[in-house]
Amino acid sequence: MNAPVSSVMPVPDLDLRSLSLLLWARCWWLMAAMFLFAGVFAVVALLTEPAFRATSVLAPARAAKAGLGGLGSTLSEFGGLASLAGLHLDSSDSST
């Protein structure tokens, strides 16, 4: 019987030395591509219009509650953190 013929191409050995020699032989192509892309990106960066956007939310400062002293100001800091999380922890009277 005949053995089946493999259609797989043999892979050449590729070691670090032959790869470095191949890259060194083509270093001019690599440097030309690097400078070409760097030039294109520099032109695009210089010609595009810069777009900066900033937003801020201003809220009036509330006076500390007279009965709580320093504890009131500490608790109001946590209320600010809670409002950033989307929670409403305002203990003040809504009718005033």
PDB file of N, CA and C in Angstrom:
ATOM      1  N   MET A   1       0.830  -1.166   0.000  1.00  0.00           N
ATOM      2  CA  MET A   1       0.000   0.000   0.000  1.00  0.00           C
ATOM      3  C   MET A   1       0.882   1.239   0.000  1.00  0.00           C
ATOM      4  N   ASN A   2       0.366   2.246  -0.606  1.00  0.00           N
ATOM      5  CA  ASN A   2       1.086   3.521  -0.658  1.00  0.00           C
ATOM      6  C   ASN A   2       0.725   4.367   0.554  1.00  0.00           C
ATOM      7  N   ALA A   3       1.742   4.991   1.117  1.00  0.00           N
ATOM      8  CA  ALA A   3       1.505   5.886   2.255  1.00  0.00           C
ATOM      9  C   ALA A   3       0.932   7.198   1.731  1.00  0.00           C
ATOM     10  N   PRO A   4      -0.011   7.795   2.487  1.00  0.00           N
ATOM     11  CA  PRO A   4      -0.592   9.064   2.018  1.00  0.00           C
ATOM     12  C   PRO A   4       0.463  10.160   1.996  1.00  0.00           C
ATOM     13  N   VAL A   5       0.400  10.974   0.981  1.00  0.00           N
ATOM     14  CA  VAL A   5       1.349  12.060   0.820  1.00  0.00           C
ATOM     15  C   VAL A   5       0.826  13.269   1.595  1.00  0.00           C
ATOM     16  N   SER A   6       1.645  13.810   2.437  1.00  0.00           N
ATOM     17  CA  SER A   6       1.251  14.957   3.234  1.00  0.00           C
ATOM     18  C   SER A   6       1.381  16.227   2.407  1.00  0.00           C
ATOM     19  N   SER A   7       0.367  17.050   2.448  1.00  0.00           N
ATOM     20  CA  SER A   7       0.405  18.297   1.691  1.00  0.00           C
ATOM     21  C   SER A   7       0.843  19.473   2.565  1.00  0.00           C
ATOM     22  N   VAL A   8       1.345  19.160   3.748  1.00  0.00           N
ATOM     23  CA  VAL A   8       1.789  20.213   4.654  1.00  0.00           C
ATOM     24  C   VAL A   8       3.189  20.647   4.246  1.00  0.00           C
ATOM     25  N   MET A   9       3.347  21.967   4.110  1.00  0.00           N
ATOM     26  CA  MET A   9       4.647  22.505   3.735  1.00  0.00           C
ATOM     27  C   MET A   9       5.557  22.478   4.959  1.00  0.00           C
ATOM     28  N   PRO A  10       6.812  22.150   4.786  1.00  0.00           N
ATOM     29  CA  PRO A  10       7.728  22.170   5.928  1.00  0.00           C
ATOM     30  C   PRO A  10       7.974  23.609   6.384  1.00  0.00           C
ATOM     31  N   VAL A  11       7.989  23.817   7.682  1.00  0.00           N
ATOM     32  CA  VAL A  11       8.218  25.136   8.251  1.00  0.00           C
ATOM     33  C   VAL A  11       9.716  25.335   8.431  1.00  0.00           C
ATOM     34  N   PRO A  12      10.269  26.403   7.856  1.00  0.00           N
ATOM     35  CA  PRO A  12      11.712  26.624   8.044  1.00  0.00           C
ATOM     36  C   PRO A  12      11.993  27.023   9.488  1.00  0.00           C
ATOM     37  N   ASP A  13      13.169  26.643   9.932  1.00  0.00           N
ATOM     38  CA  ASP A  13      13.573  27.005  11.290  1.00  0.00           C
ATOM     39  C   ASP A  13      13.808  28.506  11.352  1.00  0.00           C
ATOM     40  N   LEU A  14      13.224  29.129  12.344  1.00  0.00           N
ATOM     41  CA  LEU A  14      13.357  30.560  12.507  1.00  0.00           C
ATOM     42  C   LEU A  14      13.871  30.817  13.915  1.00  0.00           C
ATOM     43  N   ASP A  15      15.134  31.161  14.006  1.00  0.00           N
ATOM     44  CA  ASP A  15      15.701  31.439  15.317  1.00  0.00           C
ATOM     45  C   ASP A  15      15.888  32.951  15.476  1.00  0.00           C
ATOM     46  N   LEU A  16      16.317  33.360  16.629  1.00  0.00           N
ATOM     47  CA  LEU A  16      16.450  34.770  16.948  1.00  0.00           C
ATOM     48  C   LEU A  16      17.510  35.445  16.081  1.00  0.00           C
ATOM     49  N   ARG A  17      18.576  34.735  15.787  1.00  0.00           N
ATOM     50  CA  ARG A  17      19.655  35.316  14.986  1.00  0.00           C
ATOM     51  C   ARG A  17      19.199  35.580  13.567  1.00  0.00           C
ATOM     52  N   SER A  18      18.503  34.632  12.945  1.00  0.00           N
ATOM     53  CA  SER A  18      18.047  34.847  11.574  1.00  0.00           C
ATOM     54  C   SER A  18      16.966  35.919  11.514  1.00  0.00           C
ATOM     55  N   LEU A  19      16.132  36.018  12.557  1.00  0.00           N
ATOM     56  CA  LEU A  19      15.121  37.065  12.594  1.00  0.00           C
ATOM     57  C   LEU A  19      15.761  38.442  12.734  1.00  0.00           C
ATOM     58  N   SER A  20      16.775  38.550  13.579  1.00  0.00           N
ATOM     59  CA  SER A  20      17.449  39.841  13.737  1.00  0.00           C
ATOM     60  C   SER A  20      18.201  40.227  12.462  1.00  0.00           C
ATOM     61  N   LEU A  21      18.783  39.272  11.771  1.00  0.00           N
ATOM     62  CA  LEU A  21      19.458  39.573  10.497  1.00  0.00           C
ATOM     63  C   LEU A  21      18.459  40.012   9.439  1.00  0.00           C
ATOM     64  N   LEU A  22      17.282  39.413   9.431  1.00  0.00           N
ATOM     65  CA  LEU A  22      16.240  39.795   8.482  1.00  0.00           C
ATOM     66  C   LEU A  22      15.763  41.218   8.756  1.00  0.00           C
ATOM     67  N   LEU A  23      15.556  41.554  10.031  1.00  0.00           N
ATOM     68  CA  LEU A  23      15.132  42.910  10.374  1.00  0.00           C
ATOM     69  C   LEU A  23      16.223  43.928  10.077  1.00  0.00           C
ATOM     70  N   TRP A  24      17.478  43.568  10.297  1.00  0.00           N
ATOM     71  CA  TRP A  24      18.573  44.481  10.008  1.00  0.00           C
ATOM     72  C   TRP A  24      18.706  44.710   8.508  1.00  0.00           C
ATOM     73  N   ALA A  25      18.445  43.686   7.720  1.00  0.00           N
ATOM     74  CA  ALA A  25      18.527  43.839   6.266  1.00  0.00           C
ATOM     75  C   ALA A  25      17.427  44.761   5.750  1.00  0.00           C
ATOM     76  N   ARG A  26      16.313  44.794   6.446  1.00  0.00           N
ATOM     77  CA  ARG A  26      15.193  45.634   6.016  1.00  0.00           C
ATOM     78  C   ARG A  26      15.004  46.842   6.933  1.00  0.00           C
ATOM     79  N   CYS A  27      16.056  47.305   7.571  1.00  0.00           N
ATOM     80  CA  CYS A  27      15.928  48.406   8.538  1.00  0.00           C
ATOM     81  C   CYS A  27      15.511  49.700   7.853  1.00  0.00           C
ATOM     82  N   TRP A  28      15.926  49.916   6.607  1.00  0.00           N
ATOM     83  CA  TRP A  28      15.549  51.156   5.925  1.00  0.00           C
ATOM     84  C   TRP A  28      14.048  51.197   5.664  1.00  0.00           C
ATOM     85  N   TRP A  29      13.472  50.048   5.328  1.00  0.00           N
ATOM     86  CA  TRP A  29      12.024  49.994   5.126  1.00  0.00           C
ATOM     87  C   TRP A  29      11.285  50.257   6.434  1.00  0.00           C
ATOM     88  N   LEU A  30      11.795  49.703   7.515  1.00  0.00           N
ATOM     89  CA  LEU A  30      11.165  49.913   8.813  1.00  0.00           C
ATOM     90  C   LEU A  30      11.258  51.375   9.247  1.00  0.00           C
ATOM     91  N   MET A  31      12.420  51.991   9.078  1.00  0.00           N
ATOM     92  CA  MET A  31      12.573  53.391   9.463  1.00  0.00           C
ATOM     93  C   MET A  31      11.741  54.304   8.572  1.00  0.00           C
ATOM     94  N   ALA A  32      11.653  54.000   7.278  1.00  0.00           N
ATOM     95  CA  ALA A  32      10.841  54.814   6.376  1.00  0.00           C
ATOM     96  C   ALA A  32       9.365  54.739   6.772  1.00  0.00           C
ATOM     97  N   ALA A  33       8.890  53.558   7.107  1.00  0.00           N
ATOM     98  CA  ALA A  33       7.495  53.412   7.530  1.00  0.00           C
ATOM     99  C   ALA A  33       7.257  54.150   8.847  1.00  0.00           C
ATOM    100  N   MET A  34       8.215  54.077   9.757  1.00  0.00           N
ATOM    101  CA  MET A  34       8.074  54.754  11.044  1.00  0.00           C
ATOM    102  C   MET A  34       7.995  56.266  10.851  1.00  0.00           C
ATOM    103  N   PHE A  35       8.886  56.843  10.039  1.00  0.00           N
ATOM    104  CA  PHE A  35       8.866  58.280   9.814  1.00  0.00           C
ATOM    105  C   PHE A  35       7.639  58.716   9.023  1.00  0.00           C
ATOM    106  N   LEU A  36       7.176  57.891   8.108  1.00  0.00           N
ATOM    107  CA  LEU A  36       5.979  58.218   7.339  1.00  0.00           C
ATOM    108  C   LEU A  36       4.761  58.308   8.255  1.00  0.00           C
ATOM    109  N   PHE A  37       4.557  57.303   9.097  1.00  0.00           N
ATOM    110  CA  PHE A  37       3.410  57.310   9.996  1.00  0.00           C
ATOM    111  C   PHE A  37       3.537  58.395  11.059  1.00  0.00           C
ATOM    112  N   ALA A  38       4.746  58.642  11.561  1.00  0.00           N
ATOM    113  CA  ALA A  38       4.938  59.713  12.536  1.00  0.00           C
ATOM    114  C   ALA A  38       4.630  61.068  11.909  1.00  0.00           C
ATOM    115  N   GLY A  39       5.027  61.268  10.668  1.00  0.00           N
ATOM    116  CA  GLY A  39       4.724  62.517   9.969  1.00  0.00           C
ATOM    117  C   GLY A  39       3.240  62.694   9.718  1.00  0.00           C
ATOM    118  N   VAL A  40       2.584  61.632   9.307  1.00  0.00           N
ATOM    119  CA  VAL A  40       1.136  61.708   9.075  1.00  0.00           C
ATOM    120  C   VAL A  40       0.408  62.029  10.365  1.00  0.00           C
ATOM    121  N   PHE A  41       0.754  61.363  11.456  1.00  0.00           N
ATOM    122  CA  PHE A  41       0.092  61.618  12.728  1.00  0.00           C
ATOM    123  C   PHE A  41       0.411  63.017  13.259  1.00  0.00           C
ATOM    124  N   ALA A  42       1.605  63.524  13.019  1.00  0.00           N
ATOM    125  CA  ALA A  42       1.953  64.878  13.459  1.00  0.00           C
ATOM    126  C   ALA A  42       1.136  65.909  12.683  1.00  0.00           C
ATOM    127  N   VAL A  43       0.977  65.715  11.384  1.00  0.00           N
ATOM    128  CA  VAL A  43       0.174  66.637  10.581  1.00  0.00           C
ATOM    129  C   VAL A  43      -1.282  66.607  11.030  1.00  0.00           C
ATOM    130  N   VAL A  44      -1.808  65.428  11.277  1.00  0.00           N
ATOM    131  CA  VAL A  44      -3.196  65.316  11.734  1.00  0.00           C
ATOM    132  C   VAL A  44      -3.354  65.981  13.096  1.00  0.00           C
ATOM    133  N   ALA A  45      -2.402  65.792  13.992  1.00  0.00           N
ATOM    134  CA  ALA A  45      -2.490  66.386  15.325  1.00  0.00           C
ATOM    135  C   ALA A  45      -2.406  67.902  15.265  1.00  0.00           C
ATOM    136  N   LEU A  46      -1.630  68.454  14.353  1.00  0.00           N
ATOM    137  CA  LEU A  46      -1.494  69.900  14.266  1.00  0.00           C
ATOM    138  C   LEU A  46      -2.644  70.562  13.522  1.00  0.00           C
ATOM    139  N   LEU A  47      -3.303  69.843  12.630  1.00  0.00           N
ATOM    140  CA  LEU A  47      -4.378  70.430  11.836  1.00  0.00           C
ATOM    141  C   LEU A  47      -5.762  70.264  12.438  1.00  0.00           C
ATOM    142  N   THR A  48      -5.949  69.335  13.331  1.00  0.00           N
ATOM    143  CA  THR A  48      -7.271  69.140  13.910  1.00  0.00           C
ATOM    144  C   THR A  48      -7.547  70.211  14.953  1.00  0.00           C
ATOM    145  N   GLU A  49      -8.801  70.571  15.051  1.00  0.00           N
ATOM    146  CA  GLU A  49      -9.238  71.581  16.002  1.00  0.00           C
ATOM    147  C   GLU A  49      -9.350  70.951  17.383  1.00  0.00           C
ATOM    148  N   PRO A  50      -8.693  71.523  18.396  1.00  0.00           N
ATOM    149  CA  PRO A  50      -8.790  70.933  19.733  1.00  0.00           C
ATOM    150  C   PRO A  50     -10.199  71.133  20.302  1.00  0.00           C
ATOM    151  N   ALA A  51     -10.708  70.106  20.951  1.00  0.00           N
ATOM    152  CA  ALA A  51     -12.043  70.158  21.543  1.00  0.00           C
ATOM    153  C   ALA A  51     -11.919  69.869  23.024  1.00  0.00           C
ATOM    154  N   PHE A  52     -12.063  70.914  23.828  1.00  0.00           N
ATOM    155  CA  PHE A  52     -12.011  70.759  25.266  1.00  0.00           C
ATOM    156  C   PHE A  52     -13.398  71.063  25.819  1.00  0.00           C
ATOM    157  N   ARG A  53     -13.834  70.286  26.772  1.00  0.00           N
ATOM    158  CA  ARG A  53     -15.148  70.494  27.361  1.00  0.00           C
ATOM    159  C   ARG A  53     -15.047  70.240  28.857  1.00  0.00           C
ATOM    160  N   ALA A  54     -15.621  71.145  29.613  1.00  0.00           N
ATOM    161  CA  ALA A  54     -15.635  70.983  31.066  1.00  0.00           C
ATOM    162  C   ALA A  54     -17.001  71.404  31.588  1.00  0.00           C
ATOM    163  N   THR A  55     -17.485  70.692  32.569  1.00  0.00           N
ATOM    164  CA  THR A  55     -18.751  71.040  33.200  1.00  0.00           C
ATOM    165  C   THR A  55     -18.544  71.078  34.699  1.00  0.00           C
ATOM    166  N   SER A  56     -19.336  71.907  35.339  1.00  0.00           N
ATOM    167  CA  SER A  56     -19.272  71.978  36.794  1.00  0.00           C
ATOM    168  C   SER A  56     -20.673  72.224  37.332  1.00  0.00           C
ATOM    169  N   VAL A  57     -20.903  71.748  38.530  1.00  0.00           N
ATOM    170  CA  VAL A  57     -22.179  71.939  39.202  1.00  0.00           C
ATOM    171  C   VAL A  57     -21.909  72.736  40.467  1.00  0.00           C
ATOM    172  N   LEU A  58     -22.587  73.858  40.602  1.00  0.00           N
ATOM    173  CA  LEU A  58     -22.401  74.707  41.766  1.00  0.00           C
ATOM    174  C   LEU A  58     -23.616  74.582  42.669  1.00  0.00           C
ATOM    175  N   ALA A  59     -23.385  74.424  43.946  1.00  0.00           N
ATOM    176  CA  ALA A  59     -24.463  74.333  44.929  1.00  0.00           C
ATOM    177  C   ALA A  59     -24.145  75.289  46.054  1.00  0.00           C
ATOM    178  N   PRO A  60     -25.165  75.949  46.603  1.00  0.00           N
ATOM    179  CA  PRO A  60     -24.899  76.883  47.707  1.00  0.00           C
ATOM    180  C   PRO A  60     -24.466  76.127  48.961  1.00  0.00           C
ATOM    181  N   ALA A  61     -23.597  76.756  49.722  1.00  0.00           N
ATOM    182  CA  ALA A  61     -23.129  76.155  50.969  1.00  0.00           C
ATOM    183  C   ALA A  61     -24.219  76.304  52.016  1.00  0.00           C
ATOM    184  N   ARG A  62     -24.445  75.272  52.777  1.00  0.00           N
ATOM    185  CA  ARG A  62     -25.455  75.304  53.832  1.00  0.00           C
ATOM    186  C   ARG A  62     -24.778  75.601  55.159  1.00  0.00           C
ATOM    187  N   ALA A  63     -25.489  76.329  55.996  1.00  0.00           N
ATOM    188  CA  ALA A  63     -24.956  76.621  57.331  1.00  0.00           C
ATOM    189  C   ALA A  63     -25.050  75.372  58.183  1.00  0.00           C
ATOM    190  N   ALA A  64     -24.071  75.169  59.039  1.00  0.00           N
ATOM    191  CA  ALA A  64     -24.078  74.003  59.920  1.00  0.00           C
ATOM    192  C   ALA A  64     -25.193  74.145  60.941  1.00  0.00           C
ATOM    193  N   LYS A  65     -25.786  73.041  61.303  1.00  0.00           N
ATOM    194  CA  LYS A  65     -26.868  73.076  62.287  1.00  0.00           C
ATOM    195  C   LYS A  65     -26.288  73.468  63.638  1.00  0.00           C
ATOM    196  N   ALA A  66     -27.025  74.345  64.351  1.00  0.00           N
ATOM    197  CA  ALA A  66     -26.511  74.897  65.600  1.00  0.00           C
ATOM    198  C   ALA A  66     -26.423  73.850  66.688  1.00  0.00           C
ATOM    199  N   GLY A  67     -27.335  72.901  66.712  1.00  0.00           N
ATOM    200  CA  GLY A  67     -27.358  71.939  67.798  1.00  0.00           C
ATOM    201  C   GLY A  67     -26.307  70.857  67.682  1.00  0.00           C
ATOM    202  N   LEU A  68     -25.780  70.596  66.483  1.00  0.00           N
ATOM    203  CA  LEU A  68     -24.863  69.473  66.302  1.00  0.00           C
ATOM    204  C   LEU A  68     -23.395  69.872  66.404  1.00  0.00           C
ATOM    205  N   GLY A  69     -23.071  71.110  66.199  1.00  0.00           N
ATOM    206  CA  GLY A  69     -21.683  71.550  66.294  1.00  0.00           C
ATOM    207  C   GLY A  69     -20.824  70.945  65.202  1.00  0.00           C
ATOM    208  N   GLY A  70     -19.677  70.373  65.582  1.00  0.00           N
ATOM    209  CA  GLY A  70     -18.752  69.785  64.618  1.00  0.00           C
ATOM    210  C   GLY A  70     -19.283  68.525  63.972  1.00  0.00           C
ATOM    211  N   LEU A  71     -20.199  67.842  64.663  1.00  0.00           N
ATOM    212  CA  LEU A  71     -20.775  66.618  64.111  1.00  0.00           C
ATOM    213  C   LEU A  71     -21.628  66.916  62.887  1.00  0.00           C
ATOM    214  N   GLY A  72     -22.297  68.081  62.892  1.00  0.00           N
ATOM    215  CA  GLY A  72     -23.134  68.459  61.753  1.00  0.00           C
ATOM    216  C   GLY A  72     -22.316  68.643  60.490  1.00  0.00           C
ATOM    217  N   SER A  73     -21.165  69.248  60.601  1.00  0.00           N
ATOM    218  CA  SER A  73     -20.334  69.446  59.412  1.00  0.00           C
ATOM    219  C   SER A  73     -19.758  68.122  58.917  1.00  0.00           C
ATOM    220  N   THR A  74     -19.444  67.225  59.838  1.00  0.00           N
ATOM    221  CA  THR A  74     -18.933  65.914  59.432  1.00  0.00           C
ATOM    222  C   THR A  74     -20.005  65.125  58.713  1.00  0.00           C
ATOM    223  N   LEU A  75     -21.228  65.176  59.236  1.00  0.00           N
ATOM    224  CA  LEU A  75     -22.331  64.457  58.591  1.00  0.00           C
ATOM    225  C   LEU A  75     -22.684  65.069  57.246  1.00  0.00           C
ATOM    226  N   SER A  76     -22.521  66.380  57.100  1.00  0.00           N
ATOM    227  CA  SER A  76     -22.827  67.001  55.814  1.00  0.00           C
ATOM    228  C   SER A  76     -21.835  66.563  54.739  1.00  0.00           C
ATOM    229  N   GLU A  77     -20.598  66.236  55.116  1.00  0.00           N
ATOM    230  CA  GLU A  77     -19.638  65.711  54.143  1.00  0.00           C
ATOM    231  C   GLU A  77     -20.101  64.375  53.607  1.00  0.00           C
ATOM    232  N   PHE A  78     -20.645  63.530  54.485  1.00  0.00           N
ATOM    233  CA  PHE A  78     -21.140  62.231  54.023  1.00  0.00           C
ATOM    234  C   PHE A  78     -22.387  62.399  53.176  1.00  0.00           C
ATOM    235  N   GLY A  79     -23.160  63.430  53.428  1.00  0.00           N
ATOM    236  CA  GLY A  79     -24.318  63.710  52.591  1.00  0.00           C
ATOM    237  C   GLY A  79     -23.901  64.073  51.174  1.00  0.00           C
ATOM    238  N   GLY A  80     -22.777  64.795  51.050  1.00  0.00           N
ATOM    239  CA  GLY A  80     -22.254  65.116  49.725  1.00  0.00           C
ATOM    240  C   GLY A  80     -21.806  63.875  48.984  1.00  0.00           C
ATOM    241  N   LEU A  81     -21.188  62.947  49.693  1.00  0.00           N
ATOM    242  CA  LEU A  81     -20.782  61.687  49.063  1.00  0.00           C
ATOM    243  C   LEU A  81     -21.995  60.871  48.655  1.00  0.00           C
ATOM    244  N   ALA A  82     -23.031  60.895  49.495  1.00  0.00           N
ATOM    245  CA  ALA A  82     -24.235  60.139  49.172  1.00  0.00           C
ATOM    246  C   ALA A  82     -24.927  60.726  47.958  1.00  0.00           C
ATOM    247  N   SER A  83     -24.912  62.049  47.818  1.00  0.00           N
ATOM    248  CA  SER A  83     -25.556  62.650  46.653  1.00  0.00           C
ATOM    249  C   SER A  83     -24.799  62.307  45.372  1.00  0.00           C
ATOM    250  N   LEU A  84     -23.488  62.129  45.455  1.00  0.00           N
ATOM    251  CA  LEU A  84     -22.732  61.685  44.282  1.00  0.00           C
ATOM    252  C   LEU A  84     -23.140  60.276  43.873  1.00  0.00           C
ATOM    253  N   ALA A  85     -23.530  59.470  44.865  1.00  0.00           N
ATOM    254  CA  ALA A  85     -23.956  58.106  44.578  1.00  0.00           C
ATOM    255  C   ALA A  85     -25.413  58.053  44.144  1.00  0.00           C
ATOM    256  N   GLY A  86     -26.116  59.185  44.215  1.00  0.00           N
ATOM    257  CA  GLY A  86     -27.498  59.217  43.776  1.00  0.00           C
ATOM    258  C   GLY A  86     -28.498  59.031  44.894  1.00  0.00           C
ATOM    259  N   LEU A  87     -28.072  59.096  46.144  1.00  0.00           N
ATOM    260  CA  LEU A  87     -28.960  58.928  47.290  1.00  0.00           C
ATOM    261  C   LEU A  87     -29.344  60.295  47.836  1.00  0.00           C
ATOM    262  N   HIS A  88     -30.547  60.408  48.363  1.00  0.00           N
ATOM    263  CA  HIS A  88     -31.007  61.666  48.938  1.00  0.00           C
ATOM    264  C   HIS A  88     -31.097  61.495  50.444  1.00  0.00           C
ATOM    265  N   LEU A  89     -30.145  62.044  51.179  1.00  0.00           N
ATOM    266  CA  LEU A  89     -30.087  61.893  52.625  1.00  0.00           C
ATOM    267  C   LEU A  89     -30.300  63.210  53.347  1.00  0.00           C
ATOM    268  N   ASP A  90     -31.019  64.138  52.728  1.00  0.00           N
ATOM    269  CA  ASP A  90     -31.219  65.463  53.312  1.00  0.00           C
ATOM    270  C   ASP A  90     -32.198  65.352  54.470  1.00  0.00           C
ATOM    271  N   SER A  91     -31.745  65.705  55.672  1.00  0.00           N
ATOM    272  CA  SER A  91     -32.592  65.583  56.848  1.00  0.00           C
ATOM    273  C   SER A  91     -33.279  66.899  57.179  1.00  0.00           C
ATOM    274  N   SER A  92     -33.066  67.932  56.374  1.00  0.00           N
ATOM    275  CA  SER A  92     -33.694  69.217  56.662  1.00  0.00           C
ATOM    276  C   SER A  92     -35.172  69.172  56.317  1.00  0.00           C
ATOM    277  N   ASP A  93     -35.918  70.044  56.897  1.00  0.00           N
ATOM    278  CA  ASP A  93     -37.363  70.108  56.688  1.00  0.00           C
ATOM    279  C   ASP A  93     -37.638  70.596  55.278  1.00  0.00           C
ATOM    280  N   SER A  94     -38.492  69.931  54.533  1.00  0.00           N
ATOM    281  CA  SER A  94     -38.767  70.347  53.161  1.00  0.00           C
ATOM    282  C   SER A  94     -39.715  71.525  53.119  1.00  0.00           C
ATOM    283  N   SER A  95     -40.383  71.865  54.234  1.00  0.00           N
ATOM    284  CA  SER A  95     -41.315  72.980  54.241  1.00  0.00           C
ATOM    285  C   SER A  95     -40.615  74.320  54.467  1.00  0.00           C
ATOM    286  N   THR A  96     -39.345  74.332  54.889  1.00  0.00           N
ATOM    287  CA  THR A  96     -38.639  75.588  55.124  1.00  0.00           C
ATOM    288  C   THR A  96     -37.873  76.031  53.929  1.00  0.00           C
TER     289      THR A  96
END
